[in-house]
């Protein structure tokens, strides 16, 4: 069984895939506080599926890009579980997960972009071909610098309609689709390291 979760956005999303399809999926009801919410959600997903931690054969985690704190919670948890259970850990770019869902649900036809909220009035953006292959990015920049009239998946399009007038598909990543992307080898598998694209906010001052 494959456990998948993503903490790259304000939401926490967790799912379990049994090799055939997703058997349980849950998301956080409140934004942020990833550290408090991830472990209980993992326990609830396992319980819903009638599974236990020793049933897991792999862990999948969203690698971002995303804010430092949220990403770190997910990646540290994934690495810890992988080490404790002696199972492989696969990371996937969070924008790629949104791209797979948009493609499979028919939200996009032809080339498209994925944009998520990077805060500070910026977005993370990547562009994709008609088959969902990533062409450019991910990058972080002001929406105006990345503006496009083409279809844009993700929360970035909803937040910045002037730059992205054609919002389509899902706005935030789903752990269920992360699990499918990994199980079906639909996205590039990365080492479980965070895609920050930006220095962390909390930088030690050298006095």
Protein backbone atom coordinates (compact mmCIF):
# COMPACT_ATOMS: atom_id res chain seq x y z
CA UNK A 1 0.00 0.00 0.00
CA UNK A 2 1.18 3.48 -0.91
CA UNK A 3 0.66 6.34 1.56
CA UNK A 4 0.66 9.78 -0.08
CA UNK A 5 0.48 13.28 1.38
CA UNK A 6 1.15 16.89 0.40
CA UNK A 7 1.81 19.89 2.67
CA UNK A 8 2.97 22.38 0.02
CA UNK A 9 -0.17 24.54 0.20
CA UNK A 10 -2.25 25.86 3.14
CA UNK A 11 -4.15 22.54 3.07
CA UNK A 12 -2.90 19.14 4.22
CA UNK A 13 -4.06 16.22 2.06
CA UNK A 14 -3.49 12.50 2.76
CA UNK A 15 -4.48 9.38 0.77
CA UNK A 16 -3.91 5.64 0.61
CA UNK A 17 -3.55 3.67 -2.65
CA UNK A 18 -3.86 -0.12 -2.64
CA UNK A 19 -2.12 -0.72 -5.96
CA UNK A 20 -5.37 -0.57 -7.93
CA UNK A 21 -6.76 2.81 -6.87
CA UNK A 22 -7.20 5.24 -4.00
CA UNK A 23 -9.04 3.58 -1.09
CA UNK A 24 -9.13 6.52 1.33
CA UNK A 25 -8.45 10.25 1.14
CA UNK A 26 -8.78 13.07 3.68
CA UNK A 27 -7.94 16.76 3.76
CA UNK A 28 -7.48 19.24 6.58
CA UNK A 29 -10.46 21.35 7.52
CA UNK A 30 -8.38 24.32 8.53
CA UNK A 31 -5.52 26.09 6.85
CA UNK A 32 -1.92 25.93 8.03
CA UNK A 33 -0.75 24.24 11.28
CA UNK A 34 0.56 21.38 9.13
CA UNK A 35 2.59 19.95 12.00
CA UNK A 36 -0.49 19.44 14.16
CA UNK A 37 -2.66 18.00 11.40
CA UNK A 38 -0.53 15.63 9.33
CA UNK A 39 -0.01 12.75 11.80
CA UNK A 40 -3.71 12.56 12.88
CA UNK A 41 -4.81 12.62 9.22
CA UNK A 42 -2.41 9.76 8.39
CA UNK A 43 -3.84 7.73 11.29
CA UNK A 44 -7.43 8.44 10.17
CA UNK A 45 -6.75 7.47 6.54
CA UNK A 46 -5.17 4.17 7.63
CA UNK A 47 -8.11 3.51 9.96
CA UNK A 48 -10.67 4.25 7.24
CA UNK A 49 -8.96 1.77 4.92
CA UNK A 50 -8.58 -0.86 7.65
CA UNK A 51 -4.81 -0.71 7.26
CA UNK A 52 -1.86 -0.32 9.61
CA UNK A 53 1.51 1.30 9.20
CA UNK A 54 3.26 -2.02 8.65
CA UNK A 55 1.01 -2.58 5.58
CA UNK A 56 2.69 0.32 3.80
CA UNK A 57 5.07 -0.56 0.96
CA UNK A 58 5.98 3.01 -0.09
CA UNK A 59 5.46 6.67 0.81
CA UNK A 60 4.81 9.50 -1.67
CA UNK A 61 5.12 13.16 -0.76
CA UNK A 62 4.61 16.48 -2.52
CA UNK A 63 7.97 18.24 -2.87
CA UNK A 64 6.49 21.66 -3.53
CA UNK A 65 7.35 24.29 -4.48
CA UNK A 66 5.80 25.76 -1.38
CA UNK A 67 6.47 27.68 1.82
CA UNK A 68 9.39 26.46 3.90
CA UNK A 69 7.51 25.44 7.05
CA UNK A 70 4.72 23.43 5.43
CA UNK A 71 7.04 21.62 3.03
CA UNK A 72 9.45 20.70 5.79
CA UNK A 73 6.67 19.03 7.82
CA UNK A 74 5.68 16.79 4.93
CA UNK A 75 9.17 15.85 3.80
CA UNK A 76 10.51 15.16 7.29
CA UNK A 77 7.46 12.98 8.03
CA UNK A 78 7.91 11.09 4.76
CA UNK A 79 11.60 10.45 5.36
CA UNK A 80 10.94 9.39 8.96
CA UNK A 81 8.22 6.93 7.93
CA UNK A 82 10.36 5.56 5.13
CA UNK A 83 13.27 5.01 7.48
CA UNK A 84 11.15 3.47 10.27
CA UNK A 85 9.22 1.13 7.96
CA UNK A 86 12.16 0.47 5.60
CA UNK A 87 10.11 1.43 2.54
CA UNK A 88 11.00 3.72 -0.39
CA UNK A 89 10.00 7.40 -0.34
CA UNK A 90 9.09 9.12 -3.61
CA UNK A 91 8.68 12.88 -3.99
CA UNK A 92 6.81 14.59 -6.83
CA UNK A 93 6.62 18.26 -7.80
CA UNK A 94 3.25 19.46 -6.48
CA UNK A 95 2.53 21.31 -9.74
CA UNK A 96 2.96 18.03 -11.66
CA UNK A 97 0.26 16.44 -9.47
CA UNK A 98 -2.18 19.23 -10.34
CA UNK A 99 -1.28 18.74 -14.01
CA UNK A 100 -2.05 15.00 -13.90
CA UNK A 101 -5.43 15.62 -12.26
CA UNK A 102 -6.35 18.39 -14.72
CA UNK A 103 -5.45 16.16 -17.67
CA UNK A 104 -7.26 13.05 -16.41
CA UNK A 105 -10.43 14.91 -15.47
CA UNK A 106 -10.64 16.61 -18.86
CA UNK A 107 -10.12 20.11 -17.46
CA UNK A 108 -7.45 20.83 -20.08
CA UNK A 109 -7.04 20.03 -23.77
CA UNK A 110 -3.78 21.17 -25.29
CA UNK A 111 -0.91 23.05 -23.62
CA UNK A 112 -1.58 24.65 -20.21
CA UNK A 113 0.09 26.13 -17.12
CA UNK A 114 -0.16 25.37 -13.41
CA UNK A 115 0.13 28.23 -10.90
CA UNK A 116 -0.02 27.98 -7.11
CA UNK A 117 0.11 30.67 -4.43
CA UNK A 118 3.67 31.59 -3.41
CA UNK A 119 2.49 34.38 -1.06
CA UNK A 120 4.11 37.85 -1.20
CA UNK A 121 1.87 38.49 -4.24
CA UNK A 122 3.83 35.92 -6.24
CA UNK A 123 3.03 32.54 -7.80
CA UNK A 124 4.86 29.31 -8.51
CA UNK A 125 4.31 28.42 -12.16
CA UNK A 126 5.19 25.65 -14.60
CA UNK A 127 4.05 25.07 -18.19
CA UNK A 128 2.93 21.74 -19.65
CA UNK A 129 2.40 20.20 -23.07
CA UNK A 130 -0.84 18.62 -24.21
CA UNK A 131 0.17 15.22 -22.80
CA UNK A 132 1.00 16.67 -19.38
CA UNK A 133 4.78 16.73 -19.79
CA UNK A 134 6.40 19.65 -17.99
CA UNK A 135 7.99 22.07 -20.47
CA UNK A 136 9.28 24.88 -18.23
CA UNK A 137 9.55 25.69 -14.54
CA UNK A 138 8.69 25.65 -11.80
CA UNK A 139 9.62 29.28 -11.26
CA UNK A 140 8.52 31.90 -8.74
CA UNK A 141 7.62 35.43 -9.90
CA UNK A 142 4.97 38.14 -9.88
CA UNK A 143 1.83 37.08 -11.76
CA UNK A 144 2.20 39.94 -14.23
CA UNK A 145 5.61 38.60 -15.29
CA UNK A 146 4.09 35.17 -16.04
CA UNK A 147 0.72 36.30 -17.43
CA UNK A 148 -0.92 34.08 -20.03
CA UNK A 149 -4.24 33.93 -21.89
CA UNK A 150 -4.03 30.13 -21.92
CA UNK A 151 -5.70 27.80 -19.43
CA UNK A 152 -4.16 27.86 -15.95
CA UNK A 153 -4.73 25.18 -13.32
CA UNK A 154 -4.29 25.91 -9.60
CA UNK A 155 -5.02 28.53 -7.00
CA UNK A 156 -2.77 31.11 -8.66
CA UNK A 157 -5.29 31.57 -11.46
CA UNK A 158 -8.11 32.18 -8.99
CA UNK A 159 -6.08 34.68 -6.95
CA UNK A 160 -4.77 36.67 -9.93
CA UNK A 161 -7.47 36.75 -12.63
CA UNK A 162 -5.89 39.77 -14.36
CA UNK A 163 -2.77 37.74 -15.16
CA UNK A 164 -4.55 34.41 -15.64
CA UNK A 165 -8.03 35.02 -17.09
CA UNK A 166 -8.71 31.34 -17.88
CA UNK A 167 -8.77 29.38 -14.59
CA UNK A 168 -9.51 25.66 -15.02
CA UNK A 169 -9.36 22.41 -13.06
CA UNK A 170 -8.35 21.81 -9.46
CA UNK A 171 -7.06 24.66 -7.30
CA UNK A 172 -5.13 22.69 -4.67
CA UNK A 173 -3.31 19.37 -4.90
CA UNK A 174 -4.98 16.10 -3.94
CA UNK A 175 -3.04 13.32 -2.23
CA UNK A 176 -5.21 10.86 -4.15
CA UNK A 177 -3.88 12.19 -7.43
CA UNK A 178 -0.35 12.26 -6.01
CA UNK A 179 -0.75 8.56 -5.21
CA UNK A 180 -2.05 7.80 -8.72
CA UNK A 181 0.78 9.80 -10.32
CA UNK A 182 3.36 7.72 -8.41
CA UNK A 183 1.62 4.35 -8.70
CA UNK A 184 1.12 4.79 -12.46
CA UNK A 185 4.53 6.47 -12.98
CA UNK A 186 2.82 9.52 -14.47
CA UNK A 187 5.20 12.10 -13.00
CA UNK A 188 8.93 12.50 -12.51
CA UNK A 189 9.96 10.88 -9.22
CA UNK A 190 12.34 13.00 -7.16
CA UNK A 191 14.42 12.51 -4.05
CA UNK A 192 12.49 13.66 -0.95
CA UNK A 193 14.06 17.12 -0.90
CA UNK A 194 12.03 20.35 -0.86
CA UNK A 195 11.60 22.55 -3.93
CA UNK A 196 11.73 25.92 -2.19
CA UNK A 197 12.68 28.19 -5.15
CA UNK A 198 13.20 30.90 -2.56
CA UNK A 199 15.22 31.38 0.60
CA UNK A 200 13.37 30.61 3.85
CA UNK A 201 11.85 33.60 5.66
CA UNK A 202 13.64 32.79 8.90
CA UNK A 203 17.30 33.39 8.18
CA UNK A 204 19.75 33.55 11.07
CA UNK A 205 21.36 36.95 11.42
CA UNK A 206 25.11 36.93 11.70
CA UNK A 207 26.21 39.41 14.31
